[in-house]
C-alpha atoms as a PDB file:
ATOM      1  CA  MET A   1      -9.543  -1.834  -1.372  1.00  0.00           C
ATOM      2  CA  GLY A   2      -6.802  -0.099  -3.325  1.00  0.00           C
ATOM      3  CA  CYS A   3      -5.948   2.099  -0.340  1.00  0.00           C
ATOM      4  CA  MET A   4      -5.523  -0.904   1.920  1.00  0.00           C
ATOM      5  CA  LEU A   5      -3.374  -2.743  -0.617  1.00  0.00           C
ATOM      6  CA  GLY A   6      -1.220   0.348  -1.177  1.00  0.00           C
ATOM      7  CA  GLY A   7      -0.708   0.746   2.565  1.00  0.00           C
ATOM      8  CA  LEU A   8       0.075  -2.944   2.945  1.00  0.00           C
ATOM      9  CA  VAL A   9       2.683  -2.877   0.181  1.00  0.00           C
ATOM     10  CA  LEU A  10       4.339   0.212   1.645  1.00  0.00           C
ATOM     11  CA  GLU A  11       4.430  -1.329   5.125  1.00  0.00           C
ATOM     12  CA  VAL A  12       5.986  -4.565   3.817  1.00  0.00           C
ATOM     13  CA  VAL A  13       8.612  -2.628   1.830  1.00  0.00           C
ATOM     14  CA  GLY A  14       9.326  -0.440   4.870  1.00  0.00           C
ATOM     15  CA  TYR A  15       9.910  -3.414   7.127  1.00  0.00           C
ATOM     16  CA  ALA A  16      12.028  -5.034   4.401  1.00  0.00           C
ATOM     17  CA  GLY A  17      14.157  -1.875   4.546  1.00  0.00           C
ATOM     18  CA  ARG A  18      14.502  -2.384   8.285  1.00  0.00           C
ATOM     19  CA  LEU A  19      15.625  -5.960   7.697  1.00  0.00           C
ATOM     20  CA  MET A  20      18.199  -4.737   5.166  1.00  0.00           C
ATOM     21  CA  ALA A  21      19.416  -2.219   7.754  1.00  0.00           C
ATOM     22  CA  HIS A  22      20.154  -5.099  10.115  1.00  0.00           C
ATOM     23  CA  ASN A  23      23.184  -6.066   8.005  1.00  0.00           C
ATOM     24  CA  ASP A  24      24.241  -2.456   7.315  1.00  0.00           C
ATOM     25  CA  PRO A  25      23.081  -0.306  10.243  1.00  0.00           C
ATOM     26  CA  PHE A  26      24.676   2.890   8.922  1.00  0.00           C
ATOM     27  CA  GLY A  27      23.619   2.489   5.289  1.00  0.00           C
ATOM     28  CA  LYS A  28      21.595   5.375   3.914  1.00  0.00           C
ATOM     29  CA  GLY A  29      19.550   3.336   1.398  1.00  0.00           C
ATOM     30  CA  PRO A  30      17.844   0.920   3.799  1.00  0.00           C
ATOM     31  CA  PHE A  31      17.218   3.749   6.253  1.00  0.00           C
ATOM     32  CA  LEU A  32      15.519   5.900   3.618  1.00  0.00           C
ATOM     33  CA  ILE A  33      13.429   2.975   2.379  1.00  0.00           C
ATOM     34  CA  SER A  34      12.184   2.189   5.863  1.00  0.00           C
ATOM     35  CA  ILE A  35      11.569   5.754   6.998  1.00  0.00           C
ATOM     36  CA  ILE A  36       9.734   6.847   3.846  1.00  0.00           C
ATOM     37  CA  CYS A  37       7.599   3.742   3.431  1.00  0.00           C
ATOM     38  CA  LEU A  38       6.712   3.477   7.120  1.00  0.00           C
ATOM     39  CA  THR A  39       5.678   7.137   7.162  1.00  0.00           C
ATOM     40  CA  VAL A  40       3.573   7.117   3.999  1.00  0.00           C
ATOM     41  CA  GLY A  41       2.019   3.651   4.467  1.00  0.00           C
ATOM     42  CA  PRO A  42      -0.355   4.512   7.328  1.00  0.00           C
ATOM     43  CA  THR A  43      -1.679   7.430   5.287  1.00  0.00           C
ATOM     44  CA  PHE A  44      -3.245   4.935   2.902  1.00  0.00           C
ATOM     45  CA  PHE A  45      -4.854   3.070   5.813  1.00  0.00           C
ATOM     46  CA  ALA A  46      -6.264   6.359   7.098  1.00  0.00           C
ATOM     47  CA  ALA A  47      -7.671   7.111   3.632  1.00  0.00           C
ATOM     48  CA  ALA A  48      -9.438   3.738   3.651  1.00  0.00           C
ATOM     49  CA  ILE A  49     -10.957   4.547   7.044  1.00  0.00           C
ATOM     50  CA  TYR A  50     -12.119   7.927   5.711  1.00  0.00           C
ATOM     51  CA  LEU A  51     -13.815   6.195   2.797  1.00  0.00           C
ATOM     52  CA  CYS A  52     -15.596   3.807   5.170  1.00  0.00           C
ATOM     53  CA  PHE A  53     -16.671   6.739   7.331  1.00  0.00           C
ATOM     54  CA  THR A  54     -18.037   8.495   4.254  1.00  0.00           C
ATOM     55  CA  TRP A  55     -20.111   5.440   3.333  1.00  0.00           C
ATOM     56  CA  ILE A  56     -21.430   5.106   6.877  1.00  0.00           C
ATOM     57  CA  ILE A  57     -22.631   8.710   6.785  1.00  0.00           C
ATOM     58  CA  TYR A  58     -24.119   8.145   3.339  1.00  0.00           C
ATOM     59  CA  VAL A  59     -26.054   5.056   4.439  1.00  0.00           C
ATOM     60  CA  TYR A  60     -27.243   6.195   7.860  1.00  0.00           C
ATOM     61  CA  GLY A  61     -27.432   9.947   7.250  1.00  0.00           C
ATOM     62  CA  GLY A  62     -27.924  12.292  10.157  1.00  0.00           C
ATOM     63  CA  SER A  63     -25.136  14.693   9.290  1.00  0.00           C
ATOM     64  CA  ARG A  64     -25.167  18.419   8.720  1.00  0.00           C
ATOM     65  CA  PHE A  65     -22.523  18.147   6.006  1.00  0.00           C
ATOM     66  CA  ALA A  66     -22.350  16.102   2.839  1.00  0.00           C
ATOM     67  CA  PRO A  67     -20.452  12.822   3.199  1.00  0.00           C
ATOM     68  CA  ARG A  68     -17.992  13.921   0.525  1.00  0.00           C
ATOM     69  CA  ALA A  69     -17.136  17.031   2.573  1.00  0.00           C
ATOM     70  CA  TYR A  70     -15.828  14.824   5.380  1.00  0.00           C
ATOM     71  CA  LEU A  71     -13.698  12.824   2.968  1.00  0.00           C
ATOM     72  CA  ILE A  72     -12.164  15.898   1.352  1.00  0.00           C
ATOM     73  CA  THR A  73     -11.534  17.599   4.701  1.00  0.00           C
ATOM     74  CA  PHE A  74      -9.871  14.569   6.270  1.00  0.00           C
ATOM     75  CA  ILE A  75      -7.690  13.910   3.218  1.00  0.00           C
ATOM     76  CA  ILE A  76      -6.554  17.549   3.110  1.00  0.00           C
ATOM     77  CA  PHE A  77      -5.605  17.447   6.791  1.00  0.00           C
ATOM     78  CA  ASP A  78      -3.879  14.077   6.369  1.00  0.00           C
ATOM     79  CA  ILE A  79      -1.769  15.355   3.470  1.00  0.00           C
ATOM     80  CA  THR A  80      -0.966  18.513   5.456  1.00  0.00           C
ATOM     81  CA  ALA A  81       0.239  16.388   8.385  1.00  0.00           C
ATOM     82  CA  LEU A  82       2.349  14.281   6.027  1.00  0.00           C
ATOM     83  CA  VAL A  83       3.970  17.403   4.543  1.00  0.00           C
ATOM     84  CA  LEU A  84       4.664  18.790   8.012  1.00  0.00           C
ATOM     85  CA  GLN A  85       6.335  15.518   9.001  1.00  0.00           C
ATOM     86  CA  GLY A  86       8.512  15.706   5.909  1.00  0.00           C
ATOM     87  CA  VAL A  87       9.476  19.314   6.628  1.00  0.00           C
ATOM     88  CA  GLY A  88      10.289  18.429  10.228  1.00  0.00           C
ATOM     89  CA  ARG A  89      12.514  15.582   9.126  1.00  0.00           C
ATOM     90  CA  ALA A  90      14.246  17.807   6.594  1.00  0.00           C
ATOM     91  CA  VAL A  91      14.921  20.434   9.244  1.00  0.00           C
ATOM     92  CA  ALA A  92      16.187  17.787  11.651  1.00  0.00           C
ATOM     93  CA  SER A  93      18.504  16.354   9.009  1.00  0.00           C
ATOM     94  CA  LEU A  94      20.018  19.804   8.408  1.00  0.00           C
ATOM     95  CA  ALA A  95      20.844  20.253  12.097  1.00  0.00           C
ATOM     96  CA  VAL A  96      24.481  20.946  12.899  1.00  0.00           C
ATOM     97  CA  ARG A  97      26.226  17.771  13.939  1.00  0.00           C
ATOM     98  CA  GLY A  98      29.257  17.483  16.151  1.00  0.00           C
ATOM     99  CA  SER A  99      28.648  20.578  18.205  1.00  0.00           C
ATOM    100  CA  ASN A 100      30.356  20.274  21.586  1.00  0.00           C
ATOM    101  CA  THR A 101      28.354  22.982  23.287  1.00  0.00           C
ATOM    102  CA  CYS A 102      25.785  22.016  25.877  1.00  0.00           C
ATOM    103  CA  TYR A 103      22.966  24.280  26.898  1.00  0.00           C
END
């Protein structure tokens, strides 16, 4: 329940940042609010799905691995994907702007 509420709050704040960007399209603050919250928010929803999946395996069984192993594996991969997204955005933000060369 906490994962879903955390994701919901982040999504609402992210879309509020988009609404603030409507009045100031080139403002850095609203852009950062929307991009950060809308990137991290779905991670909480995914964590809630992983928890449900873990309980389904626990109740119905039939798995070669422990239910907790699935949860830990999925969360590790989800955090890794989130870090890679952040690194990609950091690299993209450091790109040279204003270059007139075309390749």
